[in-house]
Structures are given as C-alpha cells and as structure tokens.
Amino acid sequence: MKFQNLLIFLFIHINLYSQSLETVINKFSSSTFKANLTIEQDGSSIIGKIYYQQGNVHFQLNDGRIVASNTRYIIVYDPETKVLGKQEKSSGGDLSWVLKYPYKIVGNKAIIEPENEKPYKKIIISWNSDNFPILIQFLSDEKSITYRFSGITYLNNLPSSLFSYKPPAGSRSVENPLNEKK
C-alpha cells in the first residue's frame, strides 16, 4: 500500500505542477482565435471582440473604434472623428516577455513579480482548463489594467487584411502620432 500511495502522490504532484506559465503563454501565442475582450482600467471598461493570429491583433470595440496591429504597424481608427492613427510597432504582440521574471503558480493562476521593473509590481495571469489565459492583470501602486477574455473560439486562419485595417474613404490618416512633439 505504501508504494501505491507514493505513486498516487507523485502522479498528483506531477499533474498539479505540469501546468507551467510557459505552457499558458505558448498556448496564447500559438493560437488563432476570436474572443470577447473586456479591458478594465481606472473604474471604467472597454468591451469588444478580439481576433488574434501569430502576434497580429484586431480589436473592434463595441462603439466602433478599431485597434489593429501587424508585424509593422499599430493602427487605431475612430469612426466618430474619421481619424486613423498609424504608428510604427516597436515590439511583438505576445506575452513571452513575462517569462523572464520570477513567478509562482497557485492553481490556475500565475503571480509574476517583476524585480525593480516599472511600471508594474505584479502581473497575474489566470487560465481555463484548456490552458488559455482568461485574465491578464497588470498591477502597480498607481493603477491597474485588467484584460478579461471570454467566448474564446479557436480558428484555423484569419485574413491578413484584418490586421492591416483600411479606413473608409474620406478618413484622415495621421502617421506616427506618438512621435510628434508638442
């Protein structure tokens, strides 16, 4: 009996700790999906639908605004003002950068505490039984931002035009608005 108990303990121990943060991050980064996304910050929230494929993102907010990114650009379109901002992209669209920090796993949640890293003191990632992130939360002393995914549907492929959004005729484009000096 003692040997059986040891085997059961080892099996449970291996299963509990086999879920690494790397598994969850890789699932997110390698998936092609659409989902509902809620972004919460400073007591307000933005709701919309997100499409994701290989670091490329298309996020359509419920009010019609669109944020799209591909390997080269981040594009933001506001249908109310008919203005499209197009900014050169400086980094990738995945979460693998969090793996360089120490973390602990508690159930289906990873608590990441970047050492002396600003602006966030803590990052929390929770996932579902399929190892897909359903909550990503960035916390600091001054603010927090939370991303909640629901209604996740895995897809085979998405059209590349989705990530290179073209505004309707008559829209005004602004190139690299974040580089402008006041």
N, C-alpha and C. Protein backbone atom coordinates (compact mmCIF):
# COMPACT_ATOMS: atom_id res chain seq x y z
N MET A 1 0.80 -1.20 0.00
CA MET A 1 0.00 0.00 0.00
C MET A 1 0.84 1.26 0.00
N LYS A 2 1.95 1.24 0.70
CA LYS A 2 2.78 2.43 0.78
C LYS A 2 3.29 2.82 -0.61
N PHE A 3 3.68 1.84 -1.41
CA PHE A 3 4.17 2.11 -2.76
C PHE A 3 3.08 2.73 -3.63
N GLN A 4 1.84 2.21 -3.51
CA GLN A 4 0.70 2.77 -4.27
C GLN A 4 0.45 4.22 -3.86
N ASN A 5 0.49 4.49 -2.56
CA ASN A 5 0.28 5.86 -2.09
C ASN A 5 1.35 6.80 -2.63
N LEU A 6 2.58 6.31 -2.67
CA LEU A 6 3.66 7.12 -3.21
C LEU A 6 3.42 7.41 -4.69
N LEU A 7 3.00 6.40 -5.44
CA LEU A 7 2.71 6.60 -6.87
C LEU A 7 1.57 7.59 -7.07
N ILE A 8 0.54 7.48 -6.27
CA ILE A 8 -0.60 8.41 -6.37
C ILE A 8 -0.13 9.83 -6.05
N PHE A 9 0.67 9.97 -4.99
CA PHE A 9 1.19 11.29 -4.63
C PHE A 9 2.03 11.87 -5.77
N LEU A 10 2.92 11.07 -6.33
CA LEU A 10 3.76 11.55 -7.43
C LEU A 10 2.92 11.93 -8.65
N PHE A 11 1.91 11.13 -8.98
CA PHE A 11 1.04 11.43 -10.11
C PHE A 11 0.30 12.75 -9.90
N ILE A 12 -0.26 12.94 -8.72
CA ILE A 12 -0.98 14.19 -8.41
C ILE A 12 0.00 15.36 -8.43
N HIS A 13 1.16 15.18 -7.83
CA HIS A 13 2.17 16.25 -7.78
C HIS A 13 2.60 16.65 -9.19
N ILE A 14 2.87 15.68 -10.04
CA ILE A 14 3.29 15.97 -11.42
C ILE A 14 2.17 16.69 -12.17
N ASN A 15 0.93 16.23 -12.03
CA ASN A 15 -0.19 16.88 -12.73
C ASN A 15 -0.41 18.31 -12.25
N LEU A 16 -0.30 18.55 -10.96
CA LEU A 16 -0.52 19.90 -10.44
C LEU A 16 0.54 20.87 -10.94
N TYR A 17 1.76 20.42 -11.06
CA TYR A 17 2.84 21.32 -11.41
C TYR A 17 3.23 21.24 -12.88
N SER A 18 2.54 20.41 -13.67
CA SER A 18 2.86 20.34 -15.08
C SER A 18 2.37 21.56 -15.83
N GLN A 19 1.43 22.28 -15.24
CA GLN A 19 0.93 23.50 -15.86
C GLN A 19 1.90 24.63 -15.58
N SER A 20 2.78 24.87 -16.50
CA SER A 20 3.73 25.95 -16.29
C SER A 20 3.21 27.21 -16.98
N LEU A 21 3.73 28.32 -16.57
CA LEU A 21 3.37 29.58 -17.21
C LEU A 21 3.77 29.55 -18.68
N GLU A 22 4.87 28.90 -18.97
CA GLU A 22 5.32 28.79 -20.37
C GLU A 22 4.28 28.07 -21.22
N THR A 23 3.65 27.04 -20.69
CA THR A 23 2.59 26.32 -21.42
C THR A 23 1.44 27.26 -21.76
N VAL A 24 1.04 28.08 -20.81
CA VAL A 24 -0.07 29.01 -20.99
C VAL A 24 0.29 30.09 -22.01
N ILE A 25 1.48 30.67 -21.86
CA ILE A 25 1.93 31.72 -22.78
C ILE A 25 2.04 31.16 -24.20
N ASN A 26 2.59 29.96 -24.34
CA ASN A 26 2.72 29.35 -25.66
C ASN A 26 1.35 29.06 -26.28
N LYS A 27 0.40 28.64 -25.45
CA LYS A 27 -0.97 28.39 -25.96
C LYS A 27 -1.55 29.67 -26.53
N PHE A 28 -1.41 30.77 -25.78
CA PHE A 28 -1.93 32.06 -26.24
C PHE A 28 -1.23 32.49 -27.54
N SER A 29 0.10 32.47 -27.53
CA SER A 29 0.88 32.98 -28.66
C SER A 29 0.71 32.16 -29.93
N SER A 30 0.51 30.86 -29.79
CA SER A 30 0.42 30.00 -30.97
C SER A 30 -1.01 29.80 -31.47
N SER A 31 -1.99 30.31 -30.75
CA SER A 31 -3.39 30.12 -31.14
C SER A 31 -3.84 31.18 -32.14
N THR A 32 -4.76 30.77 -32.98
CA THR A 32 -5.52 31.70 -33.81
C THR A 32 -6.92 31.65 -33.23
N PHE A 33 -7.43 32.80 -32.81
CA PHE A 33 -8.71 32.78 -32.10
C PHE A 33 -9.46 34.09 -32.26
N LYS A 34 -10.73 34.03 -31.88
CA LYS A 34 -11.52 35.24 -31.65
C LYS A 34 -12.14 35.07 -30.27
N ALA A 35 -12.38 36.20 -29.61
CA ALA A 35 -12.92 36.16 -28.25
C ALA A 35 -13.54 37.51 -27.92
N ASN A 36 -14.38 37.51 -26.91
CA ASN A 36 -14.83 38.77 -26.33
C ASN A 36 -13.72 39.23 -25.40
N LEU A 37 -13.47 40.54 -25.40
CA LEU A 37 -12.43 41.09 -24.55
C LEU A 37 -12.97 42.30 -23.82
N THR A 38 -12.77 42.30 -22.52
CA THR A 38 -13.11 43.45 -21.69
C THR A 38 -11.80 43.97 -21.09
N ILE A 39 -11.56 45.26 -21.25
CA ILE A 39 -10.39 45.90 -20.68
C ILE A 39 -10.89 46.85 -19.59
N GLU A 40 -10.41 46.65 -18.37
CA GLU A 40 -10.83 47.46 -17.22
C GLU A 40 -9.64 48.27 -16.72
N GLN A 41 -9.86 49.59 -16.57
CA GLN A 41 -8.81 50.46 -16.05
C GLN A 41 -9.45 51.67 -15.40
N ASP A 42 -8.96 52.02 -14.22
CA ASP A 42 -9.41 53.21 -13.50
C ASP A 42 -10.93 53.30 -13.38
N GLY A 43 -11.57 52.20 -13.07
CA GLY A 43 -13.01 52.19 -12.85
C GLY A 43 -13.86 52.21 -14.10
N SER A 44 -13.26 52.20 -15.27
CA SER A 44 -14.05 52.15 -16.50
C SER A 44 -13.66 50.92 -17.29
N SER A 45 -14.49 50.57 -18.27
CA SER A 45 -14.18 49.39 -19.06
C SER A 45 -14.49 49.63 -20.54
N ILE A 46 -13.78 48.91 -21.35
CA ILE A 46 -13.95 48.90 -22.80
C ILE A 46 -14.27 47.46 -23.17
N ILE A 47 -15.27 47.28 -24.00
CA ILE A 47 -15.70 45.94 -24.38
C ILE A 47 -15.65 45.82 -25.90
N GLY A 48 -15.24 44.65 -26.38
CA GLY A 48 -15.22 44.43 -27.81
C GLY A 48 -14.88 43.00 -28.15
N LYS A 49 -14.58 42.80 -29.42
CA LYS A 49 -14.23 41.48 -29.94
C LYS A 49 -12.78 41.55 -30.43
N ILE A 50 -11.98 40.55 -30.04
CA ILE A 50 -10.58 40.49 -30.46
C ILE A 50 -10.37 39.29 -31.38
N TYR A 51 -9.54 39.51 -32.39
CA TYR A 51 -9.09 38.46 -33.30
C TYR A 51 -7.57 38.44 -33.19
N TYR A 52 -6.98 37.24 -33.07
CA TYR A 52 -5.54 37.14 -32.84
C TYR A 52 -4.96 36.00 -33.67
N GLN A 53 -3.79 36.29 -34.27
CA GLN A 53 -3.06 35.26 -35.01
C GLN A 53 -1.59 35.63 -35.06
N GLN A 54 -0.72 34.82 -34.50
CA GLN A 54 0.73 34.97 -34.55
C GLN A 54 1.20 36.39 -34.19
N GLY A 55 0.73 36.94 -33.11
CA GLY A 55 1.15 38.26 -32.67
C GLY A 55 0.42 39.41 -33.35
N ASN A 56 -0.42 39.11 -34.33
CA ASN A 56 -1.24 40.11 -35.01
C ASN A 56 -2.58 40.21 -34.31
N VAL A 57 -3.07 41.44 -34.13
CA VAL A 57 -4.28 41.67 -33.35
C VAL A 57 -5.25 42.58 -34.12
N HIS A 58 -6.53 42.26 -34.02
CA HIS A 58 -7.60 43.15 -34.48
C HIS A 58 -8.62 43.20 -33.36
N PHE A 59 -8.83 44.39 -32.80
CA PHE A 59 -9.75 44.57 -31.69
C PHE A 59 -10.78 45.60 -32.09
N GLN A 60 -12.03 45.17 -32.20
CA GLN A 60 -13.12 46.08 -32.54
C GLN A 60 -13.95 46.32 -31.30
N LEU A 61 -13.94 47.59 -30.85
CA LEU A 61 -14.69 47.96 -29.67
C LEU A 61 -16.17 48.07 -30.00
N ASN A 62 -17.00 47.92 -28.99
CA ASN A 62 -18.45 47.98 -29.19
C ASN A 62 -18.92 49.32 -29.74
N ASP A 63 -18.13 50.40 -29.54
CA ASP A 63 -18.52 51.71 -30.07
C ASP A 63 -18.02 51.94 -31.50
N GLY A 64 -17.39 50.93 -32.11
CA GLY A 64 -16.95 51.04 -33.49
C GLY A 64 -15.47 51.34 -33.67
N ARG A 65 -14.78 51.78 -32.61
CA ARG A 65 -13.34 52.03 -32.74
C ARG A 65 -12.62 50.72 -33.02
N ILE A 66 -11.51 50.83 -33.74
CA ILE A 66 -10.74 49.65 -34.12
C ILE A 66 -9.28 49.87 -33.79
N VAL A 67 -8.67 48.84 -33.21
CA VAL A 67 -7.24 48.81 -32.98
C VAL A 67 -6.74 47.56 -33.68
N ALA A 68 -5.80 47.73 -34.61
CA ALA A 68 -5.25 46.59 -35.33
C ALA A 68 -3.73 46.69 -35.31
N SER A 69 -3.07 45.56 -35.29
CA SER A 69 -1.61 45.58 -35.39
C SER A 69 -1.16 44.38 -36.19
N ASN A 70 -0.11 44.61 -36.94
CA ASN A 70 0.54 43.54 -37.69
C ASN A 70 2.02 43.59 -37.35
N THR A 71 2.85 42.98 -38.15
CA THR A 71 4.28 42.94 -37.82
C THR A 71 4.94 44.31 -37.89
N ARG A 72 4.35 45.26 -38.59
CA ARG A 72 5.00 46.58 -38.77
C ARG A 72 4.31 47.74 -38.06
N TYR A 73 2.97 47.73 -37.97
CA TYR A 73 2.24 48.90 -37.51
C TYR A 73 1.16 48.58 -36.47
N ILE A 74 0.86 49.61 -35.68
CA ILE A 74 -0.33 49.62 -34.85
C ILE A 74 -1.24 50.68 -35.45
N ILE A 75 -2.48 50.30 -35.69
CA ILE A 75 -3.44 51.19 -36.35
C ILE A 75 -4.62 51.38 -35.41
N VAL A 76 -5.01 52.65 -35.21
CA VAL A 76 -6.16 52.97 -34.37
C VAL A 76 -7.10 53.83 -35.20
N TYR A 77 -8.36 53.41 -35.29
CA TYR A 77 -9.34 54.16 -36.07
C TYR A 77 -10.54 54.52 -35.20
N ASP A 78 -10.94 55.79 -35.29
CA ASP A 78 -12.11 56.30 -34.57
C ASP A 78 -13.15 56.72 -35.60
N PRO A 79 -14.26 55.98 -35.73
CA PRO A 79 -15.27 56.32 -36.74
C PRO A 79 -15.98 57.64 -36.46
N GLU A 80 -15.99 58.07 -35.20
CA GLU A 80 -16.66 59.32 -34.85
C GLU A 80 -15.92 60.53 -35.45
N THR A 81 -14.59 60.51 -35.35
CA THR A 81 -13.80 61.62 -35.90
C THR A 81 -13.28 61.31 -37.30
N LYS A 82 -13.42 60.06 -37.73
CA LYS A 82 -12.90 59.58 -39.02
C LYS A 82 -11.39 59.81 -39.14
N VAL A 83 -10.69 59.56 -38.03
CA VAL A 83 -9.24 59.71 -38.00
C VAL A 83 -8.61 58.34 -37.74
N LEU A 84 -7.58 58.04 -38.54
CA LEU A 84 -6.82 56.81 -38.38
C LEU A 84 -5.40 57.20 -37.99
N GLY A 85 -4.94 56.67 -36.86
CA GLY A 85 -3.56 56.86 -36.44
C GLY A 85 -2.77 55.61 -36.76
N LYS A 86 -1.62 55.78 -37.38
CA LYS A 86 -0.78 54.65 -37.78
C LYS A 86 0.60 54.87 -37.19
N GLN A 87 1.02 53.97 -36.30
CA GLN A 87 2.28 54.10 -35.57
C GLN A 87 3.15 52.89 -35.86
N GLU A 88 4.44 53.12 -36.08
CA GLU A 88 5.36 52.00 -36.26
C GLU A 88 5.40 51.19 -34.97
N LYS A 89 5.42 49.88 -35.13
CA LYS A 89 5.40 48.97 -33.99
C LYS A 89 6.82 48.71 -33.52
N SER A 90 7.02 48.73 -32.21
CA SER A 90 8.37 48.55 -31.70
C SER A 90 8.62 47.17 -31.11
N SER A 91 7.56 46.41 -30.81
CA SER A 91 7.78 45.09 -30.21
C SER A 91 6.70 44.12 -30.67
N GLY A 92 6.84 42.86 -30.26
CA GLY A 92 5.92 41.81 -30.66
C GLY A 92 4.58 41.90 -29.97
N GLY A 93 3.67 41.01 -30.34
CA GLY A 93 2.33 41.03 -29.80
C GLY A 93 2.03 39.87 -28.88
N ASP A 94 3.07 39.27 -28.29
CA ASP A 94 2.80 38.15 -27.40
C ASP A 94 3.21 38.48 -25.97
N LEU A 95 3.06 37.52 -25.11
CA LEU A 95 3.33 37.72 -23.68
C LEU A 95 4.62 37.06 -23.21
N SER A 96 5.43 36.54 -24.11
CA SER A 96 6.60 35.76 -23.70
C SER A 96 7.58 36.55 -22.84
N TRP A 97 7.55 37.87 -22.88
CA TRP A 97 8.45 38.69 -22.08
C TRP A 97 8.25 38.48 -20.58
N VAL A 98 7.06 38.05 -20.15
CA VAL A 98 6.84 37.86 -18.71
C VAL A 98 7.61 36.66 -18.16
N LEU A 99 8.06 35.76 -19.05
CA LEU A 99 8.76 34.56 -18.60
C LEU A 99 10.14 34.84 -18.03
N LYS A 100 10.66 36.04 -18.24
CA LYS A 100 12.00 36.36 -17.71
C LYS A 100 11.95 36.74 -16.23
N TYR A 101 10.76 36.84 -15.66
CA TYR A 101 10.61 37.23 -14.25
C TYR A 101 10.22 36.03 -13.39
N PRO A 102 10.55 36.09 -12.09
CA PRO A 102 10.14 35.01 -11.19
C PRO A 102 8.62 34.99 -11.03
N TYR A 103 8.09 33.79 -10.89
CA TYR A 103 6.64 33.66 -10.71
C TYR A 103 6.35 32.43 -9.86
N LYS A 104 5.11 32.43 -9.33
CA LYS A 104 4.65 31.23 -8.62
C LYS A 104 3.28 30.89 -9.18
N ILE A 105 2.98 29.61 -9.18
CA ILE A 105 1.71 29.10 -9.68
C ILE A 105 0.85 28.72 -8.49
N VAL A 106 -0.38 29.21 -8.47
CA VAL A 106 -1.36 28.86 -7.44
C VAL A 106 -2.61 28.42 -8.19
N GLY A 107 -2.85 27.10 -8.24
CA GLY A 107 -3.99 26.59 -9.00
C GLY A 107 -3.84 26.91 -10.48
N ASN A 108 -4.81 27.63 -11.03
CA ASN A 108 -4.75 28.00 -12.45
C ASN A 108 -4.38 29.48 -12.61
N LYS A 109 -3.50 29.94 -11.73
CA LYS A 109 -3.10 31.34 -11.74
C LYS A 109 -1.60 31.46 -11.52
N ALA A 110 -0.97 32.34 -12.30
CA ALA A 110 0.44 32.64 -12.10
C ALA A 110 0.54 34.06 -11.55
N ILE A 111 1.38 34.22 -10.55
CA ILE A 111 1.64 35.54 -9.97
C ILE A 111 3.09 35.86 -10.29
N ILE A 112 3.27 36.89 -11.10
CA ILE A 112 4.59 37.28 -11.58
C ILE A 112 4.96 38.58 -10.88
N GLU A 113 6.15 38.62 -10.31
CA GLU A 113 6.59 39.82 -9.61
C GLU A 113 7.90 40.31 -10.23
N PRO A 114 7.78 41.19 -11.23
CA PRO A 114 9.00 41.72 -11.86
C PRO A 114 9.86 42.45 -10.84
N GLU A 115 11.14 42.12 -10.81
CA GLU A 115 12.06 42.73 -9.86
C GLU A 115 12.48 44.11 -10.35
N ASN A 116 12.19 45.13 -9.55
CA ASN A 116 12.57 46.52 -9.87
C ASN A 116 12.14 46.93 -11.27
N GLU A 117 11.06 46.41 -11.74
CA GLU A 117 10.57 46.73 -13.09
C GLU A 117 9.43 47.72 -12.97
N LYS A 118 9.44 48.70 -13.79
CA LYS A 118 8.35 49.68 -13.81
C LYS A 118 7.60 49.52 -15.10
N PRO A 119 6.37 49.79 -15.20
CA PRO A 119 5.54 50.40 -14.17
C PRO A 119 4.81 49.39 -13.29
N TYR A 120 4.96 48.08 -13.53
CA TYR A 120 4.13 47.11 -12.83
C TYR A 120 4.91 46.36 -11.76
N LYS A 121 4.27 46.22 -10.57
CA LYS A 121 4.86 45.47 -9.46
C LYS A 121 4.44 44.01 -9.49
N LYS A 122 3.26 43.77 -10.07
CA LYS A 122 2.74 42.41 -10.09
C LYS A 122 1.91 42.21 -11.36
N ILE A 123 2.03 41.01 -11.93
CA ILE A 123 1.24 40.62 -13.09
C ILE A 123 0.58 39.30 -12.72
N ILE A 124 -0.71 39.21 -12.94
CA ILE A 124 -1.46 37.99 -12.63
C ILE A 124 -2.07 37.47 -13.93
N ILE A 125 -1.85 36.20 -14.18
CA ILE A 125 -2.44 35.55 -15.35
C ILE A 125 -3.19 34.32 -14.88
N SER A 126 -4.49 34.26 -15.19
CA SER A 126 -5.32 33.08 -14.87
C SER A 126 -5.73 32.43 -16.17
N TRP A 127 -5.91 31.10 -16.14
CA TRP A 127 -6.26 30.39 -17.36
C TRP A 127 -7.34 29.37 -17.11
N ASN A 128 -7.95 28.93 -18.21
CA ASN A 128 -9.02 27.95 -18.14
C ASN A 128 -8.45 26.53 -18.21
N SER A 129 -9.31 25.52 -18.25
CA SER A 129 -8.86 24.13 -18.27
C SER A 129 -8.13 23.77 -19.56
N ASP A 130 -8.25 24.62 -20.57
CA ASP A 130 -7.57 24.41 -21.85
C ASP A 130 -6.21 25.13 -21.89
N ASN A 131 -5.77 25.65 -20.74
CA ASN A 131 -4.52 26.41 -20.61
C ASN A 131 -4.51 27.71 -21.40
N PHE A 132 -5.69 28.27 -21.64
CA PHE A 132 -5.77 29.54 -22.36
C PHE A 132 -6.03 30.66 -21.36
N PRO A 133 -5.27 31.76 -21.44
CA PRO A 133 -5.47 32.87 -20.49
C PRO A 133 -6.88 33.45 -20.58
N ILE A 134 -7.52 33.59 -19.44
CA ILE A 134 -8.84 34.23 -19.41
C ILE A 134 -8.78 35.56 -18.66
N LEU A 135 -7.67 35.80 -17.94
CA LEU A 135 -7.48 37.06 -17.23
C LEU A 135 -5.99 37.38 -17.22
N ILE A 136 -5.67 38.62 -17.62
CA ILE A 136 -4.30 39.12 -17.53
C ILE A 136 -4.41 40.47 -16.83
N GLN A 137 -3.73 40.60 -15.71
CA GLN A 137 -3.86 41.80 -14.89
C GLN A 137 -2.47 42.36 -14.58
N PHE A 138 -2.31 43.66 -14.84
CA PHE A 138 -1.07 44.37 -14.55
C PHE A 138 -1.35 45.32 -13.40
N LEU A 139 -0.59 45.21 -12.30
CA LEU A 139 -0.84 45.99 -11.09
C LEU A 139 0.38 46.83 -10.72
N SER A 140 0.13 48.08 -10.34
CA SER A 140 1.16 48.95 -9.81
C SER A 140 0.56 49.71 -8.64
N ASP A 141 1.35 50.56 -8.02
CA ASP A 141 0.84 51.36 -6.91
C ASP A 141 -0.21 52.36 -7.39
N GLU A 142 -0.01 52.91 -8.57
CA GLU A 142 -0.87 53.98 -9.06
C GLU A 142 -2.09 53.48 -9.83
N LYS A 143 -1.95 52.37 -10.54
CA LYS A 143 -3.04 51.94 -11.41
C LYS A 143 -2.99 50.44 -11.65
N SER A 144 -4.06 49.96 -12.26
CA SER A 144 -4.08 48.57 -12.70
C SER A 144 -4.86 48.52 -14.01
N ILE A 145 -4.55 47.52 -14.79
CA ILE A 145 -5.29 47.28 -16.02
C ILE A 145 -5.53 45.78 -16.12
N THR A 146 -6.77 45.43 -16.45
CA THR A 146 -7.17 44.02 -16.49
C THR A 146 -7.76 43.71 -17.85
N TYR A 147 -7.33 42.59 -18.43
CA TYR A 147 -7.86 42.08 -19.69
C TYR A 147 -8.60 40.78 -19.37
N ARG A 148 -9.89 40.72 -19.73
CA ARG A 148 -10.70 39.52 -19.49
C ARG A 148 -11.17 38.95 -20.83
N PHE A 149 -10.83 37.69 -21.08
CA PHE A 149 -11.22 37.01 -22.30
C PHE A 149 -12.38 36.07 -22.00
N SER A 150 -13.38 36.04 -22.88
CA SER A 150 -14.49 35.09 -22.75
C SER A 150 -14.97 34.73 -24.15
N GLY A 151 -15.77 33.69 -24.24
CA GLY A 151 -16.30 33.27 -25.54
C GLY A 151 -15.20 32.96 -26.54
N ILE A 152 -14.17 32.29 -26.09
CA ILE A 152 -12.99 32.01 -26.93
C ILE A 152 -13.33 30.94 -27.95
N THR A 153 -13.06 31.25 -29.23
CA THR A 153 -13.27 30.32 -30.33
C THR A 153 -11.96 30.19 -31.09
N TYR A 154 -11.44 28.97 -31.20
CA TYR A 154 -10.20 28.75 -31.95
C TYR A 154 -10.54 28.67 -33.43
N LEU A 155 -9.69 29.26 -34.25
CA LEU A 155 -9.90 29.30 -35.69
C LEU A 155 -8.68 28.73 -36.40
N ASN A 156 -8.85 28.36 -37.67
CA ASN A 156 -7.73 27.85 -38.45
C ASN A 156 -6.87 28.97 -39.01
N ASN A 157 -7.52 30.04 -39.49
CA ASN A 157 -6.80 31.10 -40.14
C ASN A 157 -7.65 32.36 -40.16
N LEU A 158 -7.00 33.51 -40.20
CA LEU A 158 -7.69 34.79 -40.33
C LEU A 158 -7.08 35.53 -41.51
N PRO A 159 -7.87 36.32 -42.22
CA PRO A 159 -7.31 37.05 -43.36
C PRO A 159 -6.32 38.12 -42.89
N SER A 160 -5.19 38.25 -43.58
CA SER A 160 -4.17 39.23 -43.18
C SER A 160 -4.70 40.66 -43.27
N SER A 161 -5.70 40.90 -44.10
CA SER A 161 -6.28 42.25 -44.23
C SER A 161 -6.91 42.70 -42.91
N LEU A 162 -7.30 41.77 -42.07
CA LEU A 162 -7.89 42.11 -40.77
C LEU A 162 -6.89 42.87 -39.90
N PHE A 163 -5.60 42.59 -40.08
CA PHE A 163 -4.56 43.19 -39.24
C PHE A 163 -3.92 44.42 -39.88
N SER A 164 -4.35 44.74 -41.10
CA SER A 164 -3.87 45.93 -41.81
C SER A 164 -5.09 46.76 -42.17
N TYR A 165 -5.81 47.19 -41.17
CA TYR A 165 -7.10 47.85 -41.35
C TYR A 165 -6.99 49.06 -42.27
N LYS A 166 -7.91 49.13 -43.22
CA LYS A 166 -8.02 50.27 -44.14
C LYS A 166 -9.28 51.05 -43.77
N PRO A 167 -9.16 52.35 -43.50
CA PRO A 167 -10.33 53.14 -43.10
C PRO A 167 -11.24 53.42 -44.29
N PRO A 168 -12.48 53.78 -44.02
CA PRO A 168 -13.39 54.14 -45.11
C PRO A 168 -12.90 55.39 -45.85
N ALA A 169 -13.34 55.53 -47.09
CA ALA A 169 -13.00 56.70 -47.89
C ALA A 169 -13.42 57.96 -47.14
N GLY A 170 -12.61 59.01 -47.24
CA GLY A 170 -12.91 60.27 -46.58
C GLY A 170 -12.31 60.38 -45.19
N SER A 171 -11.64 59.34 -44.72
CA SER A 171 -11.00 59.38 -43.41
C SER A 171 -9.64 60.08 -43.52
N ARG A 172 -9.21 60.66 -42.43
CA ARG A 172 -7.92 61.34 -42.38
C ARG A 172 -6.93 60.43 -41.66
N SER A 173 -5.71 60.31 -42.20
CA SER A 173 -4.68 59.48 -41.59
C SER A 173 -3.60 60.34 -40.96
N VAL A 174 -3.10 59.91 -39.81
CA VAL A 174 -2.00 60.57 -39.12
C VAL A 174 -0.92 59.52 -38.93
N GLU A 175 0.27 59.78 -39.49
CA GLU A 175 1.39 58.84 -39.38
C GLU A 175 2.18 59.12 -38.10
N ASN A 176 2.55 58.09 -37.39
CA ASN A 176 3.39 58.16 -36.20
C ASN A 176 2.97 59.26 -35.22
N PRO A 177 1.72 59.29 -34.79
CA PRO A 177 1.27 60.37 -33.89
C PRO A 177 2.00 60.38 -32.55
N LEU A 178 2.51 59.26 -32.10
CA LEU A 178 3.21 59.23 -30.81
C LEU A 178 4.61 59.83 -30.91
N ASN A 179 5.11 60.04 -32.12
CA ASN A 179 6.44 60.62 -32.30
C ASN A 179 6.39 62.15 -32.39
N GLU A 180 5.20 62.71 -32.51
CA GLU A 180 5.06 64.16 -32.65
C GLU A 180 5.41 64.85 -31.34
N LYS A 181 6.12 65.97 -31.45
CA LYS A 181 6.48 66.76 -30.26
C LYS A 181 5.57 67.96 -30.18
N LYS A 182 5.22 68.32 -28.96
CA LYS A 182 4.32 69.46 -28.77
C LYS A 182 5.11 70.72 -28.55
